[in-house]
N, C-alpha and C. Protein backbone atom coordinates (compact mmCIF):
# COMPACT_ATOMS: atom_id res chain seq x y z
N MET A 1 0.82 199.76 207.31
CA MET A 1 0.57 198.42 206.81
C MET A 1 -0.34 197.67 207.77
N SER A 2 -1.20 196.92 207.20
CA SER A 2 -2.10 196.13 208.04
C SER A 2 -1.51 194.74 208.24
N ASP A 3 -2.22 193.92 208.95
CA ASP A 3 -1.73 192.58 209.28
C ASP A 3 -2.22 191.55 208.24
N ASP A 4 -2.13 191.89 206.95
CA ASP A 4 -2.60 191.02 205.86
C ASP A 4 -1.48 190.14 205.30
N ARG A 5 -0.34 190.17 205.91
CA ARG A 5 0.79 189.42 205.37
C ARG A 5 0.59 187.91 205.55
N VAL A 6 1.05 187.19 204.57
CA VAL A 6 0.97 185.73 204.63
C VAL A 6 2.25 185.23 205.29
N THR A 7 2.09 184.44 206.32
CA THR A 7 3.26 183.95 207.05
C THR A 7 3.63 182.55 206.56
N ARG A 8 4.76 182.14 206.98
CA ARG A 8 5.24 180.81 206.62
C ARG A 8 4.32 179.72 207.18
N GLU A 9 3.82 179.94 208.38
CA GLU A 9 2.93 178.97 209.00
C GLU A 9 1.62 178.85 208.22
N ASP A 10 1.13 179.98 207.71
CA ASP A 10 -0.08 179.95 206.88
C ASP A 10 0.14 179.09 205.64
N LEU A 11 1.25 179.30 204.97
CA LEU A 11 1.56 178.52 203.77
C LEU A 11 1.71 177.04 204.08
N GLU A 12 2.44 176.74 205.14
CA GLU A 12 2.65 175.33 205.51
C GLU A 12 1.34 174.63 205.83
N SER A 13 0.49 175.29 206.58
CA SER A 13 -0.78 174.65 206.95
C SER A 13 -1.67 174.44 205.73
N GLU A 14 -1.68 175.39 204.82
CA GLU A 14 -2.50 175.26 203.62
C GLU A 14 -1.97 174.15 202.70
N ILE A 15 -0.66 174.07 202.55
CA ILE A 15 -0.06 173.01 201.72
C ILE A 15 -0.30 171.64 202.34
N ARG A 16 -0.14 171.54 203.66
CA ARG A 16 -0.38 170.25 204.32
C ARG A 16 -1.84 169.81 204.17
N SER A 17 -2.76 170.74 204.30
CA SER A 17 -4.17 170.36 204.16
C SER A 17 -4.48 169.95 202.72
N THR A 18 -3.88 170.62 201.75
CA THR A 18 -4.12 170.27 200.34
C THR A 18 -3.54 168.92 200.00
N PHE A 19 -2.29 168.68 200.34
CA PHE A 19 -1.65 167.41 200.01
C PHE A 19 -2.18 166.28 200.87
N GLY A 20 -2.63 166.59 202.06
CA GLY A 20 -3.22 165.56 202.92
C GLY A 20 -4.49 164.99 202.29
N GLU A 21 -5.31 165.86 201.72
CA GLU A 21 -6.54 165.40 201.06
C GLU A 21 -6.21 164.58 199.83
N ALA A 22 -5.23 165.02 199.04
CA ALA A 22 -4.86 164.31 197.82
C ALA A 22 -4.27 162.94 198.15
N THR A 23 -3.47 162.85 199.18
CA THR A 23 -2.88 161.58 199.57
C THR A 23 -3.95 160.61 200.04
N GLY A 24 -4.91 161.09 200.80
CA GLY A 24 -6.00 160.25 201.27
C GLY A 24 -6.84 159.71 200.13
N ARG A 25 -7.13 160.54 199.16
CA ARG A 25 -7.92 160.11 198.01
C ARG A 25 -7.15 159.12 197.16
N ALA A 26 -5.86 159.34 197.01
CA ALA A 26 -5.04 158.41 196.22
C ALA A 26 -4.97 157.05 196.88
N ASP A 27 -4.85 157.02 198.19
CA ASP A 27 -4.80 155.75 198.91
C ASP A 27 -6.13 155.01 198.82
N GLU A 28 -7.24 155.75 198.84
CA GLU A 28 -8.55 155.12 198.73
C GLU A 28 -8.78 154.54 197.34
N ALA A 29 -8.26 155.17 196.32
CA ALA A 29 -8.51 154.74 194.94
C ALA A 29 -7.52 153.69 194.47
N ARG A 30 -6.45 153.47 195.18
CA ARG A 30 -5.39 152.58 194.71
C ARG A 30 -5.85 151.13 194.60
N ILE A 31 -6.53 150.60 195.58
CA ILE A 31 -6.92 149.19 195.60
C ILE A 31 -7.94 148.87 194.50
N PRO A 32 -9.01 149.65 194.33
CA PRO A 32 -9.94 149.34 193.23
C PRO A 32 -9.29 149.47 191.86
N LEU A 33 -8.41 150.46 191.68
CA LEU A 33 -7.74 150.61 190.40
C LEU A 33 -6.80 149.45 190.13
N LEU A 34 -6.13 148.97 191.14
CA LEU A 34 -5.24 147.83 190.98
C LEU A 34 -6.04 146.57 190.62
N ALA A 35 -7.17 146.38 191.26
CA ALA A 35 -8.01 145.22 190.95
C ALA A 35 -8.54 145.31 189.52
N ALA A 36 -8.95 146.49 189.10
CA ALA A 36 -9.44 146.66 187.73
C ALA A 36 -8.33 146.41 186.72
N ALA A 37 -7.12 146.85 187.01
CA ALA A 37 -5.99 146.63 186.11
C ALA A 37 -5.68 145.14 185.99
N VAL A 38 -5.77 144.40 187.07
CA VAL A 38 -5.52 142.96 187.03
C VAL A 38 -6.58 142.25 186.19
N VAL A 39 -7.84 142.64 186.35
CA VAL A 39 -8.92 142.02 185.58
C VAL A 39 -8.76 142.33 184.09
N VAL A 40 -8.48 143.57 183.75
CA VAL A 40 -8.29 143.95 182.35
C VAL A 40 -7.09 143.22 181.76
N GLY A 41 -6.01 143.10 182.51
CA GLY A 41 -4.83 142.38 182.03
C GLY A 41 -5.13 140.91 181.78
N ALA A 42 -5.88 140.30 182.67
CA ALA A 42 -6.24 138.89 182.49
C ALA A 42 -7.12 138.70 181.26
N LEU A 43 -8.07 139.62 181.05
CA LEU A 43 -8.93 139.54 179.86
C LEU A 43 -8.12 139.70 178.57
N LEU A 44 -7.19 140.65 178.57
CA LEU A 44 -6.35 140.83 177.38
C LEU A 44 -5.46 139.62 177.13
N LEU A 45 -4.94 139.05 178.18
CA LEU A 45 -4.10 137.86 178.04
C LEU A 45 -4.91 136.69 177.49
N GLY A 46 -6.12 136.50 177.99
CA GLY A 46 -6.99 135.44 177.49
C GLY A 46 -7.37 135.65 176.04
N ALA A 47 -7.69 136.89 175.66
CA ALA A 47 -8.04 137.19 174.27
C ALA A 47 -6.85 136.95 173.35
N ALA A 48 -5.66 137.34 173.77
CA ALA A 48 -4.47 137.11 172.95
C ALA A 48 -4.21 135.61 172.78
N TYR A 49 -4.43 134.84 173.83
CA TYR A 49 -4.26 133.39 173.75
C TYR A 49 -5.23 132.78 172.75
N LEU A 50 -6.50 133.16 172.84
CA LEU A 50 -7.50 132.59 171.95
C LEU A 50 -7.26 133.00 170.49
N VAL A 51 -6.90 134.25 170.25
CA VAL A 51 -6.61 134.69 168.89
C VAL A 51 -5.39 133.97 168.34
N GLY A 52 -4.37 133.83 169.14
CA GLY A 52 -3.16 133.13 168.71
C GLY A 52 -3.43 131.66 168.44
N ARG A 53 -4.27 131.06 169.24
CA ARG A 53 -4.61 129.65 169.05
C ARG A 53 -5.38 129.46 167.74
N ARG A 54 -6.29 130.38 167.46
CA ARG A 54 -7.06 130.27 166.22
C ARG A 54 -6.16 130.47 165.00
N ILE A 55 -5.30 131.45 165.05
CA ILE A 55 -4.38 131.69 163.93
C ILE A 55 -3.46 130.49 163.75
N GLY A 56 -3.03 129.89 164.85
CA GLY A 56 -2.17 128.72 164.76
C GLY A 56 -2.87 127.54 164.13
N GLN A 57 -4.15 127.36 164.40
CA GLN A 57 -4.89 126.25 163.80
C GLN A 57 -5.12 126.49 162.32
N ARG A 58 -5.34 127.71 161.91
CA ARG A 58 -5.61 128.01 160.51
C ARG A 58 -4.37 127.85 159.65
N SER A 59 -3.20 128.11 160.19
CA SER A 59 -2.00 128.12 159.36
C SER A 59 -1.15 126.86 159.50
N THR A 60 -1.58 125.87 160.24
CA THR A 60 -0.78 124.66 160.37
C THR A 60 -0.94 123.79 159.13
N THR A 61 0.11 123.13 158.78
CA THR A 61 0.10 122.25 157.62
C THR A 61 -0.14 120.83 158.08
N THR A 62 -1.02 120.14 157.36
CA THR A 62 -1.27 118.74 157.64
C THR A 62 -0.55 117.90 156.60
N VAL A 63 0.29 116.99 157.06
CA VAL A 63 1.05 116.14 156.16
C VAL A 63 0.58 114.70 156.37
N GLU A 64 0.18 114.06 155.27
CA GLU A 64 -0.22 112.67 155.33
C GLU A 64 0.89 111.80 154.77
N ILE A 65 1.16 110.74 155.47
CA ILE A 65 2.18 109.81 155.00
C ILE A 65 1.48 108.49 154.68
N ARG A 66 1.66 108.04 153.44
CA ARG A 66 1.04 106.79 153.00
C ARG A 66 2.11 105.79 152.66
N ARG A 67 1.85 104.58 153.01
CA ARG A 67 2.78 103.51 152.63
C ARG A 67 2.36 102.98 151.27
N ILE A 68 3.34 102.75 150.51
CA ILE A 68 3.06 102.23 149.17
C ILE A 68 3.25 100.73 149.16
């Protein structure tokens, strides 16, 4: 048998390097994604407000009271 066996240390170092890169990328992308989510949420909230306001104006009843 040759010395081609994979040791525990080999596996650990490879896993740490793989997850280390993924963790770094996730941390870098978190702040811009959070900012984009806040902006999109604010835009959706504003659009829902404006649509609801328009629907409310169209369906309100106007009652006139006259004195006889």
